């Protein structure tokens, strides 16, 4: 039976807040929901009689980030996590600027590298591995597509920002004198494993449906493109070696972090297989009735 670790963590250093952390036996395929407290108050062990306050930032539920206090997740076949991330509340300055962080969804960790590829204007950023950006004037921050430390295949997913700023793809725009905490999340992209039994048959059926549709209907153009992309990916996977076999063969040489990354990637693929199968089936049924 898989287990789920539910905990409260301090952003960005991953320290556990208070004594709360529990390992819960769960059943694969079932859904569970959690609701975080907006504000946590715990005793300051270094200063008796005083307390520390933490404000909720976001959930990381099996690699999916969300800023709402409540989260619902479907339990995968393997072990999983549900982490409520918080920021310590305390006296703050009145300055402005952007603090950026690279975050691995699968590893549930802040990575020790800048997510910034470039900034416009360039003078607002020191370059190198600097993570801060000045907002003396309006700025546009472009994230790196990949950063060291993510599981194999990990790539930029989204800007998850708190404060001033508007994300659009991998570019975060922050106004002059704006202040923002900006998290660039990196994850292994969800993608169906096209070697999964039945996928090729569905592609063939979809292609046959497309051929029977009225040529004046614009929809088949996109469907035909989808079929072409799937066939291209399928051919590439058939040429390559079996990824699962590679992982199994390397288990003895993996450390705990690499194992977590490999497990998360396989679980992600499994979930997406079912979703892709349903999507293709629905498309076939819908187009076949025309």
C-alpha atoms as a PDB file:
ATOM      1  CA  UNK A   1       0.000   0.000   0.000  1.00  0.00           C
ATOM      2  CA  UNK A   2       1.429   3.424  -0.940  1.00  0.00           C
ATOM      3  CA  UNK A   3       1.953   6.161   1.620  1.00  0.00           C
ATOM      4  CA  UNK A   4       1.623   9.941   1.483  1.00  0.00           C
ATOM      5  CA  UNK A   5       3.832  12.295   3.490  1.00  0.00           C
ATOM      6  CA  UNK A   6       1.956  15.436   4.535  1.00  0.00           C
ATOM      7  CA  UNK A   7       4.101  18.247   5.974  1.00  0.00           C
ATOM      8  CA  UNK A   8       4.519  22.012   6.414  1.00  0.00           C
ATOM      9  CA  UNK A   9       7.791  23.436   5.083  1.00  0.00           C
ATOM     10  CA  UNK A  10       9.555  26.780   5.281  1.00  0.00           C
ATOM     11  CA  UNK A  11      10.328  28.442   1.955  1.00  0.00           C
ATOM     12  CA  UNK A  12      12.988  28.439   0.641  1.00  0.00           C
ATOM     13  CA  UNK A  13      15.137  26.238   2.914  1.00  0.00           C
ATOM     14  CA  UNK A  14      12.723  23.262   3.232  1.00  0.00           C
ATOM     15  CA  UNK A  15      12.937  23.225   7.043  1.00  0.00           C
ATOM     16  CA  UNK A  16      10.000  21.527   8.728  1.00  0.00           C
ATOM     17  CA  UNK A  17       7.753  23.977  10.565  1.00  0.00           C
ATOM     18  CA  UNK A  18       7.027  22.839  14.101  1.00  0.00           C
ATOM     19  CA  UNK A  19       6.637  19.131  14.721  1.00  0.00           C
ATOM     20  CA  UNK A  20       3.936  18.536  12.124  1.00  0.00           C
ATOM     21  CA  UNK A  21       4.678  15.808   9.606  1.00  0.00           C
ATOM     22  CA  UNK A  22       2.700  12.649   9.097  1.00  0.00           C
ATOM     23  CA  UNK A  23       2.937   9.568   6.916  1.00  0.00           C
ATOM     24  CA  UNK A  24      -0.516   8.422   5.852  1.00  0.00           C
ATOM     25  CA  UNK A  25      -1.372   4.998   4.349  1.00  0.00           C
ATOM     26  CA  UNK A  26      -3.427   5.638   1.202  1.00  0.00           C
ATOM     27  CA  UNK A  27      -5.100   3.660  -1.575  1.00  0.00           C
ATOM     28  CA  UNK A  28      -3.991   4.175  -5.184  1.00  0.00           C
ATOM     29  CA  UNK A  29      -6.665   5.740  -7.375  1.00  0.00           C
ATOM     30  CA  UNK A  30      -8.574   7.387  -4.535  1.00  0.00           C
ATOM     31  CA  UNK A  31      -8.771  11.150  -4.030  1.00  0.00           C
ATOM     32  CA  UNK A  32      -7.777  12.980  -0.875  1.00  0.00           C
ATOM     33  CA  UNK A  33      -8.126  16.647   0.056  1.00  0.00           C
ATOM     34  CA  UNK A  34      -6.200  18.870   2.442  1.00  0.00           C
ATOM     35  CA  UNK A  35      -6.724  22.415   3.670  1.00  0.00           C
ATOM     36  CA  UNK A  36      -3.809  24.463   4.974  1.00  0.00           C
ATOM     37  CA  UNK A  37      -3.932  27.197   7.605  1.00  0.00           C
ATOM     38  CA  UNK A  38      -3.341  30.679   6.203  1.00  0.00           C
ATOM     39  CA  UNK A  39      -1.205  31.534   9.229  1.00  0.00           C
ATOM     40  CA  UNK A  40       0.847  29.226  11.429  1.00  0.00           C
ATOM     41  CA  UNK A  41       2.040  30.311  14.873  1.00  0.00           C
ATOM     42  CA  UNK A  42       4.598  28.112  16.637  1.00  0.00           C
ATOM     43  CA  UNK A  43       6.719  28.552  19.743  1.00  0.00           C
ATOM     44  CA  UNK A  44      10.210  29.951  19.166  1.00  0.00           C
ATOM     45  CA  UNK A  45      12.432  27.293  20.731  1.00  0.00           C
ATOM     46  CA  UNK A  46      15.383  29.694  20.749  1.00  0.00           C
ATOM     47  CA  UNK A  47      13.462  32.383  22.661  1.00  0.00           C
ATOM     48  CA  UNK A  48      11.119  30.979  25.336  1.00  0.00           C
ATOM     49  CA  UNK A  49       7.833  32.852  25.572  1.00  0.00           C
ATOM     50  CA  UNK A  50       8.073  34.152  22.007  1.00  0.00           C
ATOM     51  CA  UNK A  51       6.409  32.870  18.850  1.00  0.00           C
ATOM     52  CA  UNK A  52       7.166  32.633  15.136  1.00  0.00           C
ATOM     53  CA  UNK A  53       4.563  33.302  12.456  1.00  0.00           C
ATOM     54  CA  UNK A  54       4.414  31.818   8.972  1.00  0.00           C
ATOM     55  CA  UNK A  55       2.125  32.761   6.079  1.00  0.00           C
ATOM     56  CA  UNK A  56       0.916  30.183   3.543  1.00  0.00           C
ATOM     57  CA  UNK A  57       2.426  30.361   0.042  1.00  0.00           C
ATOM     58  CA  UNK A  58       1.456  27.285  -1.978  1.00  0.00           C
ATOM     59  CA  UNK A  59       0.781  23.574  -2.080  1.00  0.00           C
ATOM     60  CA  UNK A  60       2.935  21.021  -3.839  1.00  0.00           C
ATOM     61  CA  UNK A  61       0.653  18.007  -4.210  1.00  0.00           C
ATOM     62  CA  UNK A  62       2.367  15.183  -6.130  1.00  0.00           C
ATOM     63  CA  UNK A  63       4.293  17.713  -8.193  1.00  0.00           C
ATOM     64  CA  UNK A  64       1.338  20.030  -8.877  1.00  0.00           C
ATOM     65  CA  UNK A  65       1.590  23.551  -7.459  1.00  0.00           C
ATOM     66  CA  UNK A  66      -1.433  25.535  -6.302  1.00  0.00           C
ATOM     67  CA  UNK A  67      -1.864  28.775  -4.364  1.00  0.00           C
ATOM     68  CA  UNK A  68      -5.290  27.976  -2.892  1.00  0.00           C
ATOM     69  CA  UNK A  69      -5.536  26.908   0.722  1.00  0.00           C
ATOM     70  CA  UNK A  70      -7.237  23.656  -0.295  1.00  0.00           C
ATOM     71  CA  UNK A  71      -5.903  20.982  -2.625  1.00  0.00           C
ATOM     72  CA  UNK A  72      -7.314  17.712  -3.954  1.00  0.00           C
ATOM     73  CA  UNK A  73      -5.133  14.991  -5.384  1.00  0.00           C
ATOM     74  CA  UNK A  74      -5.523  11.516  -6.866  1.00  0.00           C
ATOM     75  CA  UNK A  75      -3.249   9.002  -5.190  1.00  0.00           C
ATOM     76  CA  UNK A  76      -0.751   7.362  -7.605  1.00  0.00           C
ATOM     77  CA  UNK A  77       0.497   3.790  -7.367  1.00  0.00           C
ATOM     78  CA  UNK A  78       3.664   4.780  -5.523  1.00  0.00           C
ATOM     79  CA  UNK A  79       4.484   6.913  -2.505  1.00  0.00           C
ATOM     80  CA  UNK A  80       3.726  10.617  -2.786  1.00  0.00           C
ATOM     81  CA  UNK A  81       3.896  13.963  -0.979  1.00  0.00           C
ATOM     82  CA  UNK A  82       1.602  16.842  -0.101  1.00  0.00           C
ATOM     83  CA  UNK A  83       3.627  19.802   1.161  1.00  0.00           C
ATOM     84  CA  UNK A  84       2.212  23.126   2.328  1.00  0.00           C
ATOM     85  CA  UNK A  85       4.932  25.741   1.816  1.00  0.00           C
ATOM     86  CA  UNK A  86       5.091  28.838   4.049  1.00  0.00           C
ATOM     87  CA  UNK A  87       7.089  32.052   4.313  1.00  0.00           C
ATOM     88  CA  UNK A  88       8.114  33.448   7.692  1.00  0.00           C
ATOM     89  CA  UNK A  89       6.321  36.648   8.677  1.00  0.00           C
ATOM     90  CA  UNK A  90       8.409  39.344  10.325  1.00  0.00           C
ATOM     91  CA  UNK A  91       9.572  42.929  10.165  1.00  0.00           C
ATOM     92  CA  UNK A  92      10.254  43.819   6.543  1.00  0.00           C
ATOM     93  CA  UNK A  93      11.776  46.689   4.666  1.00  0.00           C
ATOM     94  CA  UNK A  94      10.059  49.051   2.281  1.00  0.00           C
ATOM     95  CA  UNK A  95      12.346  48.303  -0.659  1.00  0.00           C
ATOM     96  CA  UNK A  96      11.295  46.948  -4.022  1.00  0.00           C
ATOM     97  CA  UNK A  97      12.631  44.339  -6.426  1.00  0.00           C
ATOM     98  CA  UNK A  98      12.139  40.715  -7.444  1.00  0.00           C
ATOM     99  CA  UNK A  99      13.528  37.673  -5.649  1.00  0.00           C
ATOM    100  CA  UNK A 100      13.558  34.602  -7.892  1.00  0.00           C
ATOM    101  CA  UNK A 101      13.911  30.919  -7.099  1.00  0.00           C
ATOM    102  CA  UNK A 102      14.160  27.724  -9.166  1.00  0.00           C
ATOM    103  CA  UNK A 103      11.893  24.992  -7.770  1.00  0.00           C
ATOM    104  CA  UNK A 104      11.740  21.302  -8.692  1.00  0.00           C
ATOM    105  CA  UNK A 105       8.152  20.048  -8.492  1.00  0.00           C
ATOM    106  CA  UNK A 106       9.133  16.384  -8.389  1.00  0.00           C
ATOM    107  CA  UNK A 107      11.876  16.813  -5.795  1.00  0.00           C
ATOM    108  CA  UNK A 108       9.819  19.315  -3.766  1.00  0.00           C
ATOM    109  CA  UNK A 109      12.941  21.441  -3.312  1.00  0.00           C
ATOM    110  CA  UNK A 110      14.348  24.869  -4.110  1.00  0.00           C
ATOM    111  CA  UNK A 111      17.334  24.358  -6.407  1.00  0.00           C
ATOM    112  CA  UNK A 112      20.630  26.167  -5.698  1.00  0.00           C
ATOM    113  CA  UNK A 113      20.761  27.985  -9.017  1.00  0.00           C
ATOM    114  CA  UNK A 114      19.225  31.029 -10.649  1.00  0.00           C
ATOM    115  CA  UNK A 115      16.264  30.461 -12.957  1.00  0.00           C
ATOM    116  CA  UNK A 116      17.053  33.683 -14.843  1.00  0.00           C
ATOM    117  CA  UNK A 117      18.239  33.503 -18.449  1.00  0.00           C
ATOM    118  CA  UNK A 118      18.043  37.243 -19.172  1.00  0.00           C
ATOM    119  CA  UNK A 119      16.466  40.486 -17.998  1.00  0.00           C
ATOM    120  CA  UNK A 120      15.328  43.548 -19.922  1.00  0.00           C
ATOM    121  CA  UNK A 121      16.777  46.066 -19.257  1.00  0.00           C
ATOM    122  CA  UNK A 122      20.004  44.147 -18.698  1.00  0.00           C
ATOM    123  CA  UNK A 123      21.248  46.629 -16.082  1.00  0.00           C
ATOM    124  CA  UNK A 124      18.535  45.469 -13.663  1.00  0.00           C
ATOM    125  CA  UNK A 125      20.255  42.105 -13.167  1.00  0.00           C
ATOM    126  CA  UNK A 126      23.828  41.356 -12.090  1.00  0.00           C
ATOM    127  CA  UNK A 127      24.007  38.264 -14.310  1.00  0.00           C
ATOM    128  CA  UNK A 128      25.721  34.989 -13.496  1.00  0.00           C
ATOM    129  CA  UNK A 129      23.954  33.081 -10.728  1.00  0.00           C
ATOM    130  CA  UNK A 130      22.312  36.195  -9.263  1.00  0.00           C
ATOM    131  CA  UNK A 131      18.673  35.668  -8.328  1.00  0.00           C
ATOM    132  CA  UNK A 132      17.598  39.247  -7.552  1.00  0.00           C
ATOM    133  CA  UNK A 133      16.324  41.813 -10.045  1.00  0.00           C
ATOM    134  CA  UNK A 134      16.032  45.550  -9.402  1.00  0.00           C
ATOM    135  CA  UNK A 135      12.775  47.265 -10.398  1.00  0.00           C
ATOM    136  CA  UNK A 136      13.927  50.855 -10.579  1.00  0.00           C
ATOM    137  CA  UNK A 137      12.198  50.660 -13.956  1.00  0.00           C
ATOM    138  CA  UNK A 138       9.788  48.073 -15.362  1.00  0.00           C
ATOM    139  CA  UNK A 139      11.502  44.760 -16.114  1.00  0.00           C
ATOM    140  CA  UNK A 140      10.932  41.588 -18.094  1.00  0.00           C
ATOM    141  CA  UNK A 141      12.527  38.460 -16.638  1.00  0.00           C
ATOM    142  CA  UNK A 142      13.008  35.489 -18.949  1.00  0.00           C
ATOM    143  CA  UNK A 143      13.494  32.107 -17.313  1.00  0.00           C
ATOM    144  CA  UNK A 144      15.932  29.396 -18.328  1.00  0.00           C
ATOM    145  CA  UNK A 145      14.332  26.447 -20.085  1.00  0.00           C
ATOM    146  CA  UNK A 146      16.302  23.996 -17.949  1.00  0.00           C
ATOM    147  CA  UNK A 147      18.419  24.219 -14.800  1.00  0.00           C
ATOM    148  CA  UNK A 148      20.838  21.789 -13.108  1.00  0.00           C
ATOM    149  CA  UNK A 149      19.461  19.532 -10.396  1.00  0.00           C
ATOM    150  CA  UNK A 150      16.089  18.597 -11.877  1.00  0.00           C
ATOM    151  CA  UNK A 151      15.215  14.963 -12.656  1.00  0.00           C
ATOM    152  CA  UNK A 152      16.006  13.819 -16.223  1.00  0.00           C
ATOM    153  CA  UNK A 153      13.772  15.662 -18.679  1.00  0.00           C
ATOM    154  CA  UNK A 154      12.898  18.419 -16.215  1.00  0.00           C
ATOM    155  CA  UNK A 155      12.015  21.701 -17.930  1.00  0.00           C
ATOM    156  CA  UNK A 156      10.484  25.081 -17.114  1.00  0.00           C
ATOM    157  CA  UNK A 157       6.783  24.795 -16.336  1.00  0.00           C
ATOM    158  CA  UNK A 158       5.546  28.185 -15.106  1.00  0.00           C
ATOM    159  CA  UNK A 159       6.262  31.348 -13.165  1.00  0.00           C
ATOM    160  CA  UNK A 160       4.543  31.105  -9.794  1.00  0.00           C
ATOM    161  CA  UNK A 161       4.709  34.647  -8.446  1.00  0.00           C
ATOM    162  CA  UNK A 162       3.515  36.481  -5.345  1.00  0.00           C
ATOM    163  CA  UNK A 163       3.281  40.254  -5.417  1.00  0.00           C
ATOM    164  CA  UNK A 164       3.529  42.525  -8.435  1.00  0.00           C
ATOM    165  CA  UNK A 165       3.975  41.030 -11.860  1.00  0.00           C
ATOM    166  CA  UNK A 166       2.280  39.297 -14.783  1.00  0.00           C
ATOM    167  CA  UNK A 167       3.648  36.006 -16.154  1.00  0.00           C
ATOM    168  CA  UNK A 168       3.273  35.070 -19.824  1.00  0.00           C
ATOM    169  CA  UNK A 169       4.989  31.835 -20.737  1.00  0.00           C
ATOM    170  CA  UNK A 170       8.575  31.998 -19.532  1.00  0.00           C
ATOM    171  CA  UNK A 171       8.566  35.814 -19.265  1.00  0.00           C
ATOM    172  CA  UNK A 172       7.600  37.612 -16.055  1.00  0.00           C
ATOM    173  CA  UNK A 173       6.830  41.338 -16.386  1.00  0.00           C
ATOM    174  CA  UNK A 174       7.116  43.426 -13.223  1.00  0.00           C
ATOM    175  CA  UNK A 175       6.250  47.144 -13.085  1.00  0.00           C
ATOM    176  CA  UNK A 176       8.582  49.887 -11.930  1.00  0.00           C
ATOM    177  CA  UNK A 177       9.067  49.794  -8.155  1.00  0.00           C
ATOM    178  CA  UNK A 178       7.212  46.504  -8.033  1.00  0.00           C
ATOM    179  CA  UNK A 179       7.991  43.889  -5.414  1.00  0.00           C
ATOM    180  CA  UNK A 180       7.626  40.180  -6.077  1.00  0.00           C
ATOM    181  CA  UNK A 181       8.612  36.700  -4.933  1.00  0.00           C
ATOM    182  CA  UNK A 182       8.897  34.776  -8.203  1.00  0.00           C
ATOM    183  CA  UNK A 183       9.223  30.992  -8.308  1.00  0.00           C
ATOM    184  CA  UNK A 184      10.175  29.366 -11.590  1.00  0.00           C
ATOM    185  CA  UNK A 185       8.870  25.816 -11.339  1.00  0.00           C
ATOM    186  CA  UNK A 186      10.541  22.982 -13.220  1.00  0.00           C
ATOM    187  CA  UNK A 187       8.971  19.607 -13.831  1.00  0.00           C
ATOM    188  CA  UNK A 188       9.225  16.581 -16.074  1.00  0.00           C
ATOM    189  CA  UNK A 189       6.601  17.256 -18.781  1.00  0.00           C
ATOM    190  CA  UNK A 190       3.617  14.943 -18.729  1.00  0.00           C
ATOM    191  CA  UNK A 191       3.517  12.911 -21.897  1.00  0.00           C
ATOM    192  CA  UNK A 192       1.824   9.651 -22.879  1.00  0.00           C
ATOM    193  CA  UNK A 193       4.025   6.624 -23.409  1.00  0.00           C
ATOM    194  CA  UNK A 194       3.158   5.745 -27.012  1.00  0.00           C
ATOM    195  CA  UNK A 195       4.359   2.179 -26.529  1.00  0.00           C
ATOM    196  CA  UNK A 196       1.391   1.646 -24.226  1.00  0.00           C
ATOM    197  CA  UNK A 197      -0.912  -1.072 -25.694  1.00  0.00           C
ATOM    198  CA  UNK A 198      -3.800   0.401 -27.694  1.00  0.00           C
ATOM    199  CA  UNK A 199      -2.322   3.826 -28.447  1.00  0.00           C
ATOM    200  CA  UNK A 200      -1.242   2.925 -31.983  1.00  0.00           C
ATOM    201  CA  UNK A 201      -4.649   1.420 -32.711  1.00  0.00           C
ATOM    202  CA  UNK A 202      -6.313   4.632 -31.542  1.00  0.00           C
ATOM    203  CA  UNK A 203      -4.049   6.694 -33.812  1.00  0.00           C
ATOM    204  CA  UNK A 204      -4.973   4.536 -36.795  1.00  0.00           C
ATOM    205  CA  UNK A 205      -8.676   4.841 -35.995  1.00  0.00           C
ATOM    206  CA  UNK A 206      -8.380   8.601 -35.633  1.00  0.00           C
ATOM    207  CA  UNK A 207      -6.631   8.843 -38.986  1.00  0.00           C
ATOM    208  CA  UNK A 208      -9.436   6.861 -40.653  1.00  0.00           C
ATOM    209  CA  UNK A 209     -12.058   9.158 -39.119  1.00  0.00           C
ATOM    210  CA  UNK A 210     -10.219  12.207 -40.469  1.00  0.00           C
ATOM    211  CA  UNK A 211     -10.323  10.784 -44.004  1.00  0.00           C
ATOM    212  CA  UNK A 212     -14.133  10.533 -43.845  1.00  0.00           C
ATOM    213  CA  UNK A 213     -14.744  14.122 -42.738  1.00  0.00           C
ATOM    214  CA  UNK A 214     -15.936  16.837 -45.112  1.00  0.00           C
ATOM    215  CA  UNK A 215     -12.783  18.491 -46.577  1.00  0.00           C
ATOM    216  CA  UNK A 216     -14.332  21.933 -45.952  1.00  0.00           C
ATOM    217  CA  UNK A 217     -14.324  21.307 -42.206  1.00  0.00           C
ATOM    218  CA  UNK A 218     -11.211  23.010 -40.690  1.00  0.00           C
ATOM    219  CA  UNK A 219     -11.076  20.634 -37.728  1.00  0.00           C
ATOM    220  CA  UNK A 220      -9.303  17.781 -39.594  1.00  0.00           C
ATOM    221  CA  UNK A 221      -6.296  20.032 -40.214  1.00  0.00           C
ATOM    222  CA  UNK A 222      -5.487  20.083 -36.506  1.00  0.00           C
ATOM    223  CA  UNK A 223      -6.374  16.421 -36.096  1.00  0.00           C
ATOM    224  CA  UNK A 224      -4.112  15.445 -38.976  1.00  0.00           C
ATOM    225  CA  UNK A 225      -1.294  17.451 -37.419  1.00  0.00           C
ATOM    226  CA  UNK A 226      -1.899  15.600 -34.140  1.00  0.00           C
ATOM    227  CA  UNK A 227      -1.677  12.245 -35.901  1.00  0.00           C
ATOM    228  CA  UNK A 228       1.581  13.265 -37.565  1.00  0.00           C
ATOM    229  CA  UNK A 229       3.124  14.377 -34.290  1.00  0.00           C
ATOM    230  CA  UNK A 230       2.097  11.172 -32.537  1.00  0.00           C
ATOM    231  CA  UNK A 231       3.529   9.030 -35.330  1.00  0.00           C
ATOM    232  CA  UNK A 232       6.807  10.973 -35.214  1.00  0.00           C
ATOM    233  CA  UNK A 233       7.097  10.493 -31.447  1.00  0.00           C
ATOM    234  CA  UNK A 234       6.187   6.820 -31.775  1.00  0.00           C
ATOM    235  CA  UNK A 235       8.906   6.226 -34.355  1.00  0.00           C
ATOM    236  CA  UNK A 236      11.474   7.993 -32.163  1.00  0.00           C
ATOM    237  CA  UNK A 237      10.540   5.866 -29.161  1.00  0.00           C
ATOM    238  CA  UNK A 238      10.686   2.635 -31.135  1.00  0.00           C
ATOM    239  CA  UNK A 239      14.232   3.458 -32.270  1.00  0.00           C
ATOM    240  CA  UNK A 240      15.381   4.259 -28.730  1.00  0.00           C
ATOM    241  CA  UNK A 241      15.966   1.726 -25.990  1.00  0.00           C
ATOM    242  CA  UNK A 242      13.273   0.847 -23.464  1.00  0.00           C
ATOM    243  CA  UNK A 243      13.349   3.612 -20.833  1.00  0.00           C
ATOM    244  CA  UNK A 244      11.813   1.456 -18.126  1.00  0.00           C
ATOM    245  CA  UNK A 245      14.432  -1.232 -18.693  1.00  0.00           C
ATOM    246  CA  UNK A 246      17.157   1.404 -18.352  1.00  0.00           C
ATOM    247  CA  UNK A 247      15.737   2.678 -15.057  1.00  0.00           C
ATOM    248  CA  UNK A 248      15.441  -0.825 -13.591  1.00  0.00           C
ATOM    249  CA  UNK A 249      19.016  -1.585 -14.599  1.00  0.00           C
ATOM    250  CA  UNK A 250      20.305   1.588 -12.927  1.00  0.00           C
ATOM    251  CA  UNK A 251      18.416   1.360  -9.620  1.00  0.00           C
ATOM    252  CA  UNK A 252      21.408   0.008  -7.717  1.00  0.00           C
ATOM    253  CA  UNK A 253      23.467   3.026  -8.837  1.00  0.00           C
ATOM    254  CA  UNK A 254      20.865   5.683  -8.005  1.00  0.00           C
ATOM    255  CA  UNK A 255      20.846   7.814  -4.883  1.00  0.00           C
ATOM    256  CA  UNK A 256      17.602   8.699  -3.086  1.00  0.00           C
ATOM    257  CA  UNK A 257      17.106  11.933  -5.035  1.00  0.00           C
ATOM    258  CA  UNK A 258      17.525  10.215  -8.403  1.00  0.00           C
ATOM    259  CA  UNK A 259      15.133   7.447  -7.352  1.00  0.00           C
ATOM    260  CA  UNK A 260      12.478  10.007  -6.359  1.00  0.00           C
ATOM    261  CA  UNK A 261      12.894  11.750  -9.695  1.00  0.00           C
ATOM    262  CA  UNK A 262      12.621   8.517 -11.693  1.00  0.00           C
ATOM    263  CA  UNK A 263       9.585   7.412  -9.686  1.00  0.00           C
ATOM    264  CA  UNK A 264       7.834  10.742 -10.174  1.00  0.00           C
ATOM    265  CA  UNK A 265       8.461  10.624 -13.933  1.00  0.00           C
ATOM    266  CA  UNK A 266       7.064   7.110 -14.280  1.00  0.00           C
ATOM    267  CA  UNK A 267       4.009   7.967 -12.172  1.00  0.00           C
ATOM    268  CA  UNK A 268       3.419  11.074 -14.254  1.00  0.00           C
ATOM    269  CA  UNK A 269       3.546   9.038 -17.468  1.00  0.00           C
ATOM    270  CA  UNK A 270       1.125   6.467 -16.105  1.00  0.00           C
ATOM    271  CA  UNK A 271      -1.444   9.124 -15.202  1.00  0.00           C
ATOM    272  CA  UNK A 272      -1.137  10.775 -18.583  1.00  0.00           C
ATOM    273  CA  UNK A 273      -1.537   7.498 -20.478  1.00  0.00           C
ATOM    274  CA  UNK A 274      -5.095   7.110 -19.232  1.00  0.00           C
ATOM    275  CA  UNK A 275      -5.882  10.760 -19.926  1.00  0.00           C
ATOM    276  CA  UNK A 276      -4.491  10.553 -23.475  1.00  0.00           C
ATOM    277  CA  UNK A 277      -6.430   7.365 -24.174  1.00  0.00           C
ATOM    278  CA  UNK A 278      -9.698   8.978 -23.066  1.00  0.00           C
ATOM    279  CA  UNK A 279      -8.946  12.123 -25.097  1.00  0.00           C
ATOM    280  CA  UNK A 280      -8.368  10.156 -28.297  1.00  0.00           C
ATOM    281  CA  UNK A 281     -11.420   7.971 -27.743  1.00  0.00           C
ATOM    282  CA  UNK A 282     -13.629  11.029 -27.201  1.00  0.00           C
ATOM    283  CA  UNK A 283     -12.213  12.700 -30.325  1.00  0.00           C
ATOM    284  CA  UNK A 284     -12.897   9.599 -32.413  1.00  0.00           C
ATOM    285  CA  UNK A 285     -16.472   9.322 -31.154  1.00  0.00           C
ATOM    286  CA  UNK A 286     -17.161  13.037 -31.675  1.00  0.00           C
ATOM    287  CA  UNK A 287     -15.760  13.152 -35.221  1.00  0.00           C
ATOM    288  CA  UNK A 288     -17.308   9.841 -36.209  1.00  0.00           C
ATOM    289  CA  UNK A 289     -20.831  11.174 -35.670  1.00  0.00           C
ATOM    290  CA  UNK A 290     -20.438  13.930 -38.285  1.00  0.00           C
END
